[in-house]
């Protein structure tokens, strides 16, 4: 079976990329059990707690990231360097993730055959 990677690298609520990526991720989980999710660069902000999408007239899709557990998506990684750049830690995030250094993240990504970026 093909190992899928979903990379989130955009800010939430500025484009539809995050919402569409989450929708695609949850849909793909019905067909594949081998999915790895990465939050890198600006994408780490997708997982921030206490976002206020109503203030930008955006749909609140962020809480739906909690559904990954329900869909058996367990390989969820965040870039430690990106967290550091935003002055964040995993405690600031909505879900439990594994923070990886850039080289570890790159190694895990290299194991994936198909990569989708949002």
PDB file of N, CA and C in Angstrom:
ATOM      1  N   UNK A   1       0.833  -1.179   0.000  1.00  0.00           N
ATOM      2  CA  UNK A   1       0.000   0.000   0.000  1.00  0.00           C
ATOM      3  C   UNK A   1       0.882   1.248   0.000  1.00  0.00           C
ATOM      4  N   UNK A   2       0.435   2.268  -0.676  1.00  0.00           N
ATOM      5  CA  UNK A   2       1.170   3.514  -0.785  1.00  0.00           C
ATOM      6  C   UNK A   2       1.106   4.292   0.516  1.00  0.00           C
ATOM      7  N   UNK A   3       2.247   4.764   0.953  1.00  0.00           N
ATOM      8  CA  UNK A   3       2.310   5.583   2.167  1.00  0.00           C
ATOM      9  C   UNK A   3       2.078   7.034   1.770  1.00  0.00           C
ATOM     10  N   UNK A   4       1.041   7.648   2.351  1.00  0.00           N
ATOM     11  CA  UNK A   4       0.663   9.023   2.040  1.00  0.00           C
ATOM     12  C   UNK A   4       1.213   9.991   3.076  1.00  0.00           C
ATOM     13  N   UNK A   5       1.632  11.155   2.609  1.00  0.00           N
ATOM     14  CA  UNK A   5       2.042  12.235   3.502  1.00  0.00           C
ATOM     15  C   UNK A   5       1.169  13.448   3.210  1.00  0.00           C
ATOM     16  N   UNK A   6       0.674  14.044   4.254  1.00  0.00           N
ATOM     17  CA  UNK A   6      -0.055  15.307   4.151  1.00  0.00           C
ATOM     18  C   UNK A   6       0.779  16.349   4.863  1.00  0.00           C
ATOM     19  N   UNK A   7       1.129  17.412   4.135  1.00  0.00           N
ATOM     20  CA  UNK A   7       1.938  18.487   4.708  1.00  0.00           C
ATOM     21  C   UNK A   7       1.079  19.742   4.791  1.00  0.00           C
ATOM     22  N   UNK A   8       0.967  20.272   5.985  1.00  0.00           N
ATOM     23  CA  UNK A   8       0.271  21.545   6.184  1.00  0.00           C
ATOM     24  C   UNK A   8       1.350  22.600   6.402  1.00  0.00           C
ATOM     25  N   UNK A   9       1.398  23.593   5.497  1.00  0.00           N
ATOM     26  CA  UNK A   9       2.428  24.621   5.606  1.00  0.00           C
ATOM     27  C   UNK A   9       1.890  26.038   5.412  1.00  0.00           C
ATOM     28  N   UNK A  10       0.570  26.203   5.563  1.00  0.00           N
ATOM     29  CA  UNK A  10      -0.016  27.532   5.391  1.00  0.00           C
ATOM     30  C   UNK A  10      -0.716  27.971   6.668  1.00  0.00           C
ATOM     31  N   UNK A  11      -0.862  29.278   6.817  1.00  0.00           N
ATOM     32  CA  UNK A  11      -1.586  29.833   7.954  1.00  0.00           C
ATOM     33  C   UNK A  11      -3.055  29.419   7.877  1.00  0.00           C
ATOM     34  N   UNK A  12      -3.710  29.251   9.008  1.00  0.00           N
ATOM     35  CA  UNK A  12      -5.142  28.949   8.989  1.00  0.00           C
ATOM     36  C   UNK A  12      -5.948  30.203   8.635  1.00  0.00           C
ATOM     37  N   UNK A  13      -7.074  29.996   8.007  1.00  0.00           N
ATOM     38  CA  UNK A  13      -8.069  31.042   7.744  1.00  0.00           C
ATOM     39  C   UNK A  13      -7.619  32.136   6.773  1.00  0.00           C
ATOM     40  N   UNK A  14      -6.445  32.017   6.170  1.00  0.00           N
ATOM     41  CA  UNK A  14      -6.031  33.008   5.179  1.00  0.00           C
ATOM     42  C   UNK A  14      -6.383  32.533   3.773  1.00  0.00           C
ATOM     43  N   UNK A  15      -6.393  31.221   3.587  1.00  0.00           N
ATOM     44  CA  UNK A  15      -6.833  30.601   2.343  1.00  0.00           C
ATOM     45  C   UNK A  15      -7.652  29.373   2.739  1.00  0.00           C
ATOM     46  N   UNK A  16      -8.179  28.668   1.768  1.00  0.00           N
ATOM     47  CA  UNK A  16      -8.943  27.457   2.057  1.00  0.00           C
ATOM     48  C   UNK A  16      -8.031  26.222   2.144  1.00  0.00           C
ATOM     49  N   UNK A  17      -6.742  26.405   1.983  1.00  0.00           N
ATOM     50  CA  UNK A  17      -5.811  25.268   1.937  1.00  0.00           C
ATOM     51  C   UNK A  17      -5.901  24.379   3.171  1.00  0.00           C
ATOM     52  N   UNK A  18      -5.910  24.946   4.349  1.00  0.00           N
ATOM     53  CA  UNK A  18      -5.966  24.145   5.566  1.00  0.00           C
ATOM     54  C   UNK A  18      -7.235  23.331   5.670  1.00  0.00           C
ATOM     55  N   UNK A  19      -8.355  23.971   5.392  1.00  0.00           N
ATOM     56  CA  UNK A  19      -9.643  23.275   5.462  1.00  0.00           C
ATOM     57  C   UNK A  19      -9.724  22.176   4.420  1.00  0.00           C
ATOM     58  N   UNK A  20      -9.296  22.468   3.200  1.00  0.00           N
ATOM     59  CA  UNK A  20      -9.322  21.460   2.139  1.00  0.00           C
ATOM     60  C   UNK A  20      -8.355  20.318   2.435  1.00  0.00           C
ATOM     61  N   UNK A  21      -7.216  20.643   3.011  1.00  0.00           N
ATOM     62  CA  UNK A  21      -6.256  19.612   3.384  1.00  0.00           C
ATOM     63  C   UNK A  21      -6.813  18.679   4.446  1.00  0.00           C
ATOM     64  N   UNK A  22      -7.486  19.255   5.430  1.00  0.00           N
ATOM     65  CA  UNK A  22      -8.092  18.435   6.481  1.00  0.00           C
ATOM     66  C   UNK A  22      -9.189  17.547   5.908  1.00  0.00           C
ATOM     67  N   UNK A  23     -10.024  18.105   5.037  1.00  0.00           N
ATOM     68  CA  UNK A  23     -11.073  17.307   4.396  1.00  0.00           C
ATOM     69  C   UNK A  23     -10.469  16.157   3.598  1.00  0.00           C
ATOM     70  N   UNK A  24      -9.418  16.442   2.835  1.00  0.00           N
ATOM     71  CA  UNK A  24      -8.758  15.411   2.030  1.00  0.00           C
ATOM     72  C   UNK A  24      -8.110  14.352   2.923  1.00  0.00           C
ATOM     73  N   UNK A  25      -7.516  14.786   4.008  1.00  0.00           N
ATOM     74  CA  UNK A  25      -6.875  13.871   4.948  1.00  0.00           C
ATOM     75  C   UNK A  25      -7.886  12.888   5.539  1.00  0.00           C
ATOM     76  N   UNK A  26      -8.997  13.411   6.013  1.00  0.00           N
ATOM     77  CA  UNK A  26     -10.004  12.544   6.624  1.00  0.00           C
ATOM     78  C   UNK A  26     -10.628  11.612   5.589  1.00  0.00           C
ATOM     79  N   UNK A  27     -10.833  12.098   4.382  1.00  0.00           N
ATOM     80  CA  UNK A  27     -11.380  11.245   3.316  1.00  0.00           C
ATOM     81  C   UNK A  27     -10.386  10.149   2.940  1.00  0.00           C
ATOM     82  N   UNK A  28      -9.117  10.492   2.837  1.00  0.00           N
ATOM     83  CA  UNK A  28      -8.094   9.512   2.462  1.00  0.00           C
ATOM     84  C   UNK A  28      -7.947   8.417   3.512  1.00  0.00           C
ATOM     85  N   UNK A  29      -8.244   8.740   4.741  1.00  0.00           N
ATOM     86  CA  UNK A  29      -8.101   7.746   5.807  1.00  0.00           C
ATOM     87  C   UNK A  29      -9.081   6.585   5.644  1.00  0.00           C
ATOM     88  N   UNK A  30     -10.128   6.778   4.867  1.00  0.00           N
ATOM     89  CA  UNK A  30     -11.072   5.690   4.598  1.00  0.00           C
ATOM     90  C   UNK A  30     -10.470   4.666   3.637  1.00  0.00           C
ATOM     91  N   UNK A  31      -9.448   5.077   2.886  1.00  0.00           N
ATOM     92  CA  UNK A  31      -8.853   4.218   1.864  1.00  0.00           C
ATOM     93  C   UNK A  31      -7.445   3.763   2.192  1.00  0.00           C
ATOM     94  N   UNK A  32      -6.814   4.422   3.133  1.00  0.00           N
ATOM     95  CA  UNK A  32      -5.433   4.094   3.464  1.00  0.00           C
ATOM     96  C   UNK A  32      -5.232   4.157   4.971  1.00  0.00           C
ATOM     97  N   UNK A  33      -4.490   3.201   5.484  1.00  0.00           N
ATOM     98  CA  UNK A  33      -4.160   3.204   6.900  1.00  0.00           C
ATOM     99  C   UNK A  33      -2.752   3.724   7.138  1.00  0.00           C
ATOM    100  N   UNK A  34      -2.038   3.981   6.052  1.00  0.00           N
ATOM    101  CA  UNK A  34      -0.647   4.397   6.159  1.00  0.00           C
ATOM    102  C   UNK A  34      -0.505   5.871   5.791  1.00  0.00           C
ATOM    103  N   UNK A  35      -0.926   6.724   6.706  1.00  0.00           N
ATOM    104  CA  UNK A  35      -0.918   8.169   6.481  1.00  0.00           C
ATOM    105  C   UNK A  35      -0.057   8.830   7.552  1.00  0.00           C
ATOM    106  N   UNK A  36       0.792   9.741   7.109  1.00  0.00           N
ATOM    107  CA  UNK A  36       1.610  10.535   8.012  1.00  0.00           C
ATOM    108  C   UNK A  36       1.287  11.999   7.763  1.00  0.00           C
ATOM    109  N   UNK A  37       1.149  12.759   8.838  1.00  0.00           N
ATOM    110  CA  UNK A  37       0.780  14.169   8.737  1.00  0.00           C
ATOM    111  C   UNK A  37       1.909  15.011   9.316  1.00  0.00           C
ATOM    112  N   UNK A  38       2.266  16.063   8.570  1.00  0.00           N
ATOM    113  CA  UNK A  38       3.340  16.966   8.982  1.00  0.00           C
ATOM    114  C   UNK A  38       2.813  18.396   9.025  1.00  0.00           C
ATOM    115  N   UNK A  39       3.163  19.118  10.075  1.00  0.00           N
ATOM    116  CA  UNK A  39       2.863  20.544  10.184  1.00  0.00           C
ATOM    117  C   UNK A  39       4.205  21.255  10.224  1.00  0.00           C
ATOM    118  N   UNK A  40       4.473  22.037   9.192  1.00  0.00           N
ATOM    119  CA  UNK A  40       5.776  22.695   9.060  1.00  0.00           C
ATOM    120  C   UNK A  40       5.589  24.166   8.719  1.00  0.00           C
ATOM    121  N   UNK A  41       6.612  24.960   8.995  1.00  0.00           N
ATOM    122  CA  UNK A  41       6.554  26.383   8.675  1.00  0.00           C
ATOM    123  C   UNK A  41       5.323  27.023   9.288  1.00  0.00           C
ATOM    124  N   UNK A  42       4.631  27.839   8.479  1.00  0.00           N
ATOM    125  CA  UNK A  42       3.417  28.514   8.946  1.00  0.00           C
ATOM    126  C   UNK A  42       2.327  27.520   9.336  1.00  0.00           C
ATOM    127  N   UNK A  43       2.429  26.304   8.845  1.00  0.00           N
ATOM    128  CA  UNK A  43       1.423  25.282   9.106  1.00  0.00           C
ATOM    129  C   UNK A  43       1.282  24.896  10.568  1.00  0.00           C
ATOM    130  N   UNK A  44       2.310  25.148  11.378  1.00  0.00           N
ATOM    131  CA  UNK A  44       2.177  24.818  12.799  1.00  0.00           C
ATOM    132  C   UNK A  44       1.063  25.635  13.443  1.00  0.00           C
ATOM    133  N   UNK A  45       0.751  26.786  12.876  1.00  0.00           N
ATOM    134  CA  UNK A  45      -0.312  27.637  13.436  1.00  0.00           C
ATOM    135  C   UNK A  45      -1.704  27.071  13.172  1.00  0.00           C
ATOM    136  N   UNK A  46      -1.811  26.091  12.282  1.00  0.00           N
ATOM    137  CA  UNK A  46      -3.097  25.423  12.051  1.00  0.00           C
ATOM    138  C   UNK A  46      -3.609  24.793  13.342  1.00  0.00           C
ATOM    139  N   UNK A  47      -2.703  24.378  14.207  1.00  0.00           N
ATOM    140  CA  UNK A  47      -3.068  23.622  15.398  1.00  0.00           C
ATOM    141  C   UNK A  47      -3.167  24.454  16.675  1.00  0.00           C
ATOM    142  N   UNK A  48      -3.045  25.759  16.565  1.00  0.00           N
ATOM    143  CA  UNK A  48      -3.095  26.593  17.761  1.00  0.00           C
ATOM    144  C   UNK A  48      -4.457  26.532  18.440  1.00  0.00           C
ATOM    145  N   UNK A  49      -4.423  26.486  19.761  1.00  0.00           N
ATOM    146  CA  UNK A  49      -5.649  26.539  20.555  1.00  0.00           C
ATOM    147  C   UNK A  49      -6.234  27.953  20.484  1.00  0.00           C
ATOM    148  N   UNK A  50      -7.503  28.053  20.781  1.00  0.00           N
ATOM    149  CA  UNK A  50      -8.192  29.342  20.967  1.00  0.00           C
ATOM    150  C   UNK A  50      -8.091  30.283  19.763  1.00  0.00           C
ATOM    151  N   UNK A  51      -8.272  29.752  18.584  1.00  0.00           N
ATOM    152  CA  UNK A  51      -8.333  30.611  17.406  1.00  0.00           C
ATOM    153  C   UNK A  51      -9.718  31.240  17.327  1.00  0.00           C
ATOM    154  N   UNK A  52      -9.808  32.369  16.694  1.00  0.00           N
ATOM    155  CA  UNK A  52     -11.073  33.091  16.575  1.00  0.00           C
ATOM    156  C   UNK A  52     -11.436  33.292  15.104  1.00  0.00           C
ATOM    157  N   UNK A  53     -11.807  32.226  14.409  1.00  0.00           N
ATOM    158  CA  UNK A  53     -12.100  32.346  12.973  1.00  0.00           C
ATOM    159  C   UNK A  53     -13.321  33.212  12.681  1.00  0.00           C
ATOM    160  N   UNK A  54     -14.247  33.333  13.625  1.00  0.00           N
ATOM    161  CA  UNK A  54     -15.430  34.165  13.409  1.00  0.00           C
ATOM    162  C   UNK A  54     -15.070  35.624  13.201  1.00  0.00           C
ATOM    163  N   UNK A  55     -13.960  36.039  13.777  1.00  0.00           N
ATOM    164  CA  UNK A  55     -13.534  37.429  13.639  1.00  0.00           C
ATOM    165  C   UNK A  55     -13.065  37.746  12.226  1.00  0.00           C
ATOM    166  N   UNK A  56     -12.679  36.722  11.481  1.00  0.00           N
ATOM    167  CA  UNK A  56     -12.290  36.921  10.080  1.00  0.00           C
ATOM    168  C   UNK A  56     -13.341  36.340   9.139  1.00  0.00           C
ATOM    169  N   UNK A  57     -14.506  36.055   9.698  1.00  0.00           N
ATOM    170  CA  UNK A  57     -15.632  35.492   8.939  1.00  0.00           C
ATOM    171  C   UNK A  57     -15.245  34.185   8.244  1.00  0.00           C
ATOM    172  N   UNK A  58     -14.466  33.378   8.956  1.00  0.00           N
ATOM    173  CA  UNK A  58     -14.012  32.087   8.429  1.00  0.00           C
ATOM    174  C   UNK A  58     -14.735  30.946   9.138  1.00  0.00           C
ATOM    175  N   UNK A  59     -14.795  29.824   8.468  1.00  0.00           N
ATOM    176  CA  UNK A  59     -15.384  28.621   9.055  1.00  0.00           C
ATOM    177  C   UNK A  59     -14.412  28.029  10.070  1.00  0.00           C
ATOM    178  N   UNK A  60     -14.919  27.626  11.215  1.00  0.00           N
ATOM    179  CA  UNK A  60     -14.077  27.039  12.254  1.00  0.00           C
ATOM    180  C   UNK A  60     -13.878  25.559  11.973  1.00  0.00           C
ATOM    181  N   UNK A  61     -12.804  25.238  11.274  1.00  0.00           N
ATOM    182  CA  UNK A  61     -12.503  23.848  10.968  1.00  0.00           C
ATOM    183  C   UNK A  61     -11.406  23.296  11.881  1.00  0.00           C
ATOM    184  N   UNK A  62     -10.739  24.163  12.620  1.00  0.00           N
ATOM    185  CA  UNK A  62      -9.576  23.768  13.405  1.00  0.00           C
ATOM    186  C   UNK A  62      -9.896  22.668  14.407  1.00  0.00           C
ATOM    187  N   UNK A  63     -11.035  22.742  15.060  1.00  0.00           N
ATOM    188  CA  UNK A  63     -11.373  21.719  16.055  1.00  0.00           C
ATOM    189  C   UNK A  63     -11.525  20.335  15.412  1.00  0.00           C
ATOM    190  N   UNK A  64     -11.770  20.289  14.102  1.00  0.00           N
ATOM    191  CA  UNK A  64     -11.906  19.010  13.401  1.00  0.00           C
ATOM    192  C   UNK A  64     -10.576  18.259  13.316  1.00  0.00           C
ATOM    193  N   UNK A  65      -9.466  18.919  13.588  1.00  0.00           N
ATOM    194  CA  UNK A  65      -8.184  18.201  13.640  1.00  0.00           C
ATOM    195  C   UNK A  65      -8.206  17.145  14.751  1.00  0.00           C
ATOM    196  N   UNK A  66      -9.060  17.339  15.754  1.00  0.00           N
ATOM    197  CA  UNK A  66      -9.196  16.350  16.828  1.00  0.00           C
ATOM    198  C   UNK A  66      -9.746  15.022  16.299  1.00  0.00           C
ATOM    199  N   UNK A  67     -10.387  15.046  15.134  1.00  0.00           N
ATOM    200  CA  UNK A  67     -10.955  13.837  14.551  1.00  0.00           C
ATOM    201  C   UNK A  67      -9.896  12.860  14.063  1.00  0.00           C
ATOM    202  N   UNK A  68      -8.670  13.310  13.927  1.00  0.00           N
ATOM    203  CA  UNK A  68      -7.622  12.415  13.437  1.00  0.00           C
ATOM    204  C   UNK A  68      -7.509  11.173  14.314  1.00  0.00           C
ATOM    205  N   UNK A  69      -7.672  11.313  15.603  1.00  0.00           N
ATOM    206  CA  UNK A  69      -7.652  10.149  16.501  1.00  0.00           C
ATOM    207  C   UNK A  69      -8.761   9.174  16.152  1.00  0.00           C
ATOM    208  N   UNK A  70      -9.939   9.698  15.916  1.00  0.00           N
ATOM    209  CA  UNK A  70     -11.099   8.870  15.582  1.00  0.00           C
ATOM    210  C   UNK A  70     -10.897   8.116  14.270  1.00  0.00           C
ATOM    211  N   UNK A  71     -10.164   8.729  13.346  1.00  0.00           N
ATOM    212  CA  UNK A  71      -9.897   8.141  12.036  1.00  0.00           C
ATOM    213  C   UNK A  71      -8.612   7.309  12.032  1.00  0.00           C
ATOM    214  N   UNK A  72      -8.073   7.042  13.198  1.00  0.00           N
ATOM    215  CA  UNK A  72      -6.846   6.252  13.362  1.00  0.00           C
ATOM    216  C   UNK A  72      -5.639   6.838  12.638  1.00  0.00           C
ATOM    217  N   UNK A  73      -5.563   8.140  12.598  1.00  0.00           N
ATOM    218  CA  UNK A  73      -4.393   8.823  12.045  1.00  0.00           C
ATOM    219  C   UNK A  73      -3.498   9.149  13.238  1.00  0.00           C
ATOM    220  N   UNK A  74      -2.456   8.366  13.389  1.00  0.00           N
ATOM    221  CA  UNK A  74      -1.638   8.443  14.598  1.00  0.00           C
ATOM    222  C   UNK A  74      -0.261   9.042  14.380  1.00  0.00           C
ATOM    223  N   UNK A  75       0.210   9.059  13.153  1.00  0.00           N
ATOM    224  CA  UNK A  75       1.539   9.591  12.858  1.00  0.00           C
ATOM    225  C   UNK A  75       1.411  11.068  12.506  1.00  0.00           C
ATOM    226  N   UNK A  76       1.451  11.904  13.541  1.00  0.00           N
ATOM    227  CA  UNK A  76       1.275  13.343  13.374  1.00  0.00           C
ATOM    228  C   UNK A  76       2.506  14.041  13.949  1.00  0.00           C
ATOM    229  N   UNK A  77       3.188  14.782  13.078  1.00  0.00           N
ATOM    230  CA  UNK A  77       4.448  15.408  13.463  1.00  0.00           C
ATOM    231  C   UNK A  77       4.405  16.913  13.213  1.00  0.00           C
ATOM    232  N   UNK A  78       5.113  17.622  14.055  1.00  0.00           N
ATOM    233  CA  UNK A  78       5.244  19.067  13.905  1.00  0.00           C
ATOM    234  C   UNK A  78       6.730  19.405  13.921  1.00  0.00           C
ATOM    235  N   UNK A  79       7.098  20.385  13.144  1.00  0.00           N
ATOM    236  CA  UNK A  79       8.496  20.800  13.040  1.00  0.00           C
ATOM    237  C   UNK A  79       8.884  21.630  14.269  1.00  0.00           C
ATOM    238  N   UNK A  80       9.848  21.133  15.011  1.00  0.00           N
ATOM    239  CA  UNK A  80      10.299  21.840  16.217  1.00  0.00           C
ATOM    240  C   UNK A  80      10.873  23.206  15.867  1.00  0.00           C
ATOM    241  N   UNK A  81      11.595  23.282  14.797  1.00  0.00           N
ATOM    242  CA  UNK A  81      12.189  24.557  14.369  1.00  0.00           C
ATOM    243  C   UNK A  81      11.103  25.592  14.085  1.00  0.00           C
ATOM    244  N   UNK A  82      10.015  25.147  13.438  1.00  0.00           N
ATOM    245  CA  UNK A  82       8.903  26.052  13.149  1.00  0.00           C
ATOM    246  C   UNK A  82       8.223  26.512  14.433  1.00  0.00           C
ATOM    247  N   UNK A  83       8.045  25.586  15.378  1.00  0.00           N
ATOM    248  CA  UNK A  83       7.477  25.984  16.672  1.00  0.00           C
ATOM    249  C   UNK A  83       8.349  27.046  17.324  1.00  0.00           C
ATOM    250  N   UNK A  84       9.656  26.829  17.297  1.00  0.00           N
ATOM    251  CA  UNK A  84      10.589  27.784  17.896  1.00  0.00           C
ATOM    252  C   UNK A  84      10.488  29.153  17.234  1.00  0.00           C
ATOM    253  N   UNK A  85      10.339  29.177  15.916  1.00  0.00           N
ATOM    254  CA  UNK A  85      10.255  30.449  15.198  1.00  0.00           C
ATOM    255  C   UNK A  85       9.032  31.258  15.618  1.00  0.00           C
ATOM    256  N   UNK A  86       7.966  30.578  15.996  1.00  0.00           N
ATOM    257  CA  UNK A  86       6.750  31.260  16.444  1.00  0.00           C
ATOM    258  C   UNK A  86       6.700  31.414  17.965  1.00  0.00           C
ATOM    259  N   UNK A  87       7.740  30.955  18.656  1.00  0.00           N
ATOM    260  CA  UNK A  87       7.768  31.039  20.105  1.00  0.00           C
ATOM    261  C   UNK A  87       6.735  30.128  20.756  1.00  0.00           C
ATOM    262  N   UNK A  88       6.496  28.965  20.138  1.00  0.00           N
ATOM    263  CA  UNK A  88       5.475  28.030  20.604  1.00  0.00           C
ATOM    264  C   UNK A  88       6.089  26.741  21.110  1.00  0.00           C
ATOM    265  N   UNK A  89       5.281  25.995  21.838  1.00  0.00           N
ATOM    266  CA  UNK A  89       5.632  24.629  22.225  1.00  0.00           C
ATOM    267  C   UNK A  89       4.426  23.752  21.926  1.00  0.00           C
ATOM    268  N   UNK A  90       4.582  22.462  22.085  1.00  0.00           N
ATOM    269  CA  UNK A  90       3.461  21.556  21.817  1.00  0.00           C
ATOM    270  C   UNK A  90       2.310  21.795  22.792  1.00  0.00           C
ATOM    271  N   UNK A  91       2.571  22.433  23.925  1.00  0.00           N
ATOM    272  CA  UNK A  91       1.506  22.771  24.878  1.00  0.00           C
ATOM    273  C   UNK A  91       0.524  23.775  24.302  1.00  0.00           C
ATOM    274  N   UNK A  92       0.949  24.561  23.318  1.00  0.00           N
ATOM    275  CA  UNK A  92       0.085  25.557  22.690  1.00  0.00           C
ATOM    276  C   UNK A  92      -0.833  24.965  21.635  1.00  0.00           C
ATOM    277  N   UNK A  93      -0.678  23.676  21.359  1.00  0.00           N
ATOM    278  CA  UNK A  93      -1.397  23.059  20.252  1.00  0.00           C
ATOM    279  C   UNK A  93      -2.627  22.302  20.717  1.00  0.00           C
ATOM    280  N   UNK A  94      -3.597  22.234  19.841  1.00  0.00           N
ATOM    281  CA  UNK A  94      -4.902  21.649  20.111  1.00  0.00           C
ATOM    282  C   UNK A  94      -4.863  20.139  20.305  1.00  0.00           C
ATOM    283  N   UNK A  95      -3.945  19.467  19.627  1.00  0.00           N
ATOM    284  CA  UNK A  95      -3.874  18.010  19.683  1.00  0.00           C
ATOM    285  C   UNK A  95      -2.471  17.571  20.096  1.00  0.00           C
ATOM    286  N   UNK A  96      -2.364  16.312  20.484  1.00  0.00           N
ATOM    287  CA  UNK A  96      -1.056  15.753  20.802  1.00  0.00           C
ATOM    288  C   UNK A  96      -0.310  15.446  19.509  1.00  0.00           C
ATOM    289  N   UNK A  97       0.895  15.930  19.422  1.00  0.00           N
ATOM    290  CA  UNK A  97       1.748  15.707  18.258  1.00  0.00           C
ATOM    291  C   UNK A  97       3.146  15.361  18.746  1.00  0.00           C
ATOM    292  N   UNK A  98       3.948  14.866  17.840  1.00  0.00           N
ATOM    293  CA  UNK A  98       5.357  14.613  18.133  1.00  0.00           C
ATOM    294  C   UNK A  98       6.170  15.690  17.432  1.00  0.00           C
ATOM    295  N   UNK A  99       6.948  16.432  18.199  1.00  0.00           N
ATOM    296  CA  UNK A  99       7.814  17.459  17.621  1.00  0.00           C
ATOM    297  C   UNK A  99       9.122  16.807  17.188  1.00  0.00           C
ATOM    298  N   UNK A 100       9.520  17.108  15.957  1.00  0.00           N
ATOM    299  CA  UNK A 100      10.751  16.546  15.398  1.00  0.00           C
ATOM    300  C   UNK A 100      11.658  17.655  14.893  1.00  0.00           C
ATOM    301  N   UNK A 101      12.942  17.408  15.001  1.00  0.00           N
ATOM    302  CA  UNK A 101      13.907  18.309  14.379  1.00  0.00           C
ATOM    303  C   UNK A 101      13.831  18.122  12.863  1.00  0.00           C
ATOM    304  N   UNK A 102      14.361  19.061  12.129  1.00  0.00           N
ATOM    305  CA  UNK A 102      14.241  19.073  10.677  1.00  0.00           C
ATOM    306  C   UNK A 102      14.773  17.800  10.027  1.00  0.00           C
ATOM    307  N   UNK A 103      15.907  17.308  10.471  1.00  0.00           N
ATOM    308  CA  UNK A 103      16.476  16.110   9.844  1.00  0.00           C
ATOM    309  C   UNK A 103      15.614  14.872  10.098  1.00  0.00           C
ATOM    310  N   UNK A 104      15.038  14.745  11.281  1.00  0.00           N
ATOM    311  CA  UNK A 104      14.147  13.616  11.581  1.00  0.00           C
ATOM    312  C   UNK A 104      12.873  13.692  10.744  1.00  0.00           C
ATOM    313  N   UNK A 105      12.368  14.898  10.618  1.00  0.00           N
ATOM    314  CA  UNK A 105      11.160  15.119   9.830  1.00  0.00           C
ATOM    315  C   UNK A 105      11.417  14.763   8.368  1.00  0.00           C
ATOM    316  N   UNK A 106      12.555  15.166   7.861  1.00  0.00           N
ATOM    317  CA  UNK A 106      12.928  14.865   6.476  1.00  0.00           C
ATOM    318  C   UNK A 106      13.044  13.359   6.251  1.00  0.00           C
ATOM    319  N   UNK A 107      13.592  12.649   7.207  1.00  0.00           N
ATOM    320  CA  UNK A 107      13.727  11.194   7.095  1.00  0.00           C
ATOM    321  C   UNK A 107      12.357  10.522   7.037  1.00  0.00           C
ATOM    322  N   UNK A 108      11.438  10.963   7.867  1.00  0.00           N
ATOM    323  CA  UNK A 108      10.089  10.380   7.865  1.00  0.00           C
ATOM    324  C   UNK A 108       9.367  10.700   6.566  1.00  0.00           C
ATOM    325  N   UNK A 109       9.540  11.899   6.069  1.00  0.00           N
ATOM    326  CA  UNK A 109       8.912  12.301   4.812  1.00  0.00           C
ATOM    327  C   UNK A 109       9.458  11.491   3.646  1.00  0.00           C
ATOM    328  N   UNK A 110      10.722  11.165   3.678  1.00  0.00           N
ATOM    329  CA  UNK A 110      11.353  10.387   2.602  1.00  0.00           C
ATOM    330  C   UNK A 110      10.768   8.979   2.495  1.00  0.00           C
ATOM    331  N   UNK A 111      10.139   8.485   3.542  1.00  0.00           N
ATOM    332  CA  UNK A 111       9.532   7.151   3.520  1.00  0.00           C
ATOM    333  C   UNK A 111       8.166   7.137   2.833  1.00  0.00           C
ATOM    334  N   UNK A 112       7.646   8.294   2.521  1.00  0.00           N
ATOM    335  CA  UNK A 112       6.311   8.404   1.918  1.00  0.00           C
ATOM    336  C   UNK A 112       6.411   8.408   0.389  1.00  0.00           C
ATOM    337  N   UNK A 113       5.463   7.692  -0.256  1.00  0.00           N
ATOM    338  CA  UNK A 113       5.469   7.626  -1.714  1.00  0.00           C
ATOM    339  C   UNK A 113       4.674   8.745  -2.370  1.00  0.00           C
ATOM    340  N   UNK A 114       3.622   9.200  -1.724  1.00  0.00           N
ATOM    341  CA  UNK A 114       2.795  10.283  -2.260  1.00  0.00           C
ATOM    342  C   UNK A 114       2.728  11.401  -1.235  1.00  0.00           C
ATOM    343  N   UNK A 115       2.914  12.636  -1.703  1.00  0.00           N
ATOM    344  CA  UNK A 115       2.932  13.793  -0.810  1.00  0.00           C
ATOM    345  C   UNK A 115       1.913  14.807  -1.307  1.00  0.00           C
ATOM    346  N   UNK A 116       1.031  15.214  -0.405  1.00  0.00           N
ATOM    347  CA  UNK A 116       0.044  16.255  -0.703  1.00  0.00           C
ATOM    348  C   UNK A 116       0.317  17.436   0.212  1.00  0.00           C
ATOM    349  N   UNK A 117       0.374  18.621  -0.340  1.00  0.00           N
ATOM    350  CA  UNK A 117       0.743  19.811   0.426  1.00  0.00           C
ATOM    351  C   UNK A 117      -0.418  20.803   0.443  1.00  0.00           C
ATOM    352  N   UNK A 118      -0.694  21.321   1.618  1.00  0.00           N
ATOM    353  CA  UNK A 118      -1.790  22.286   1.801  1.00  0.00           C
ATOM    354  C   UNK A 118      -1.332  23.460   2.613  1.00  0.00           C
TER     355      UNK A 118
END
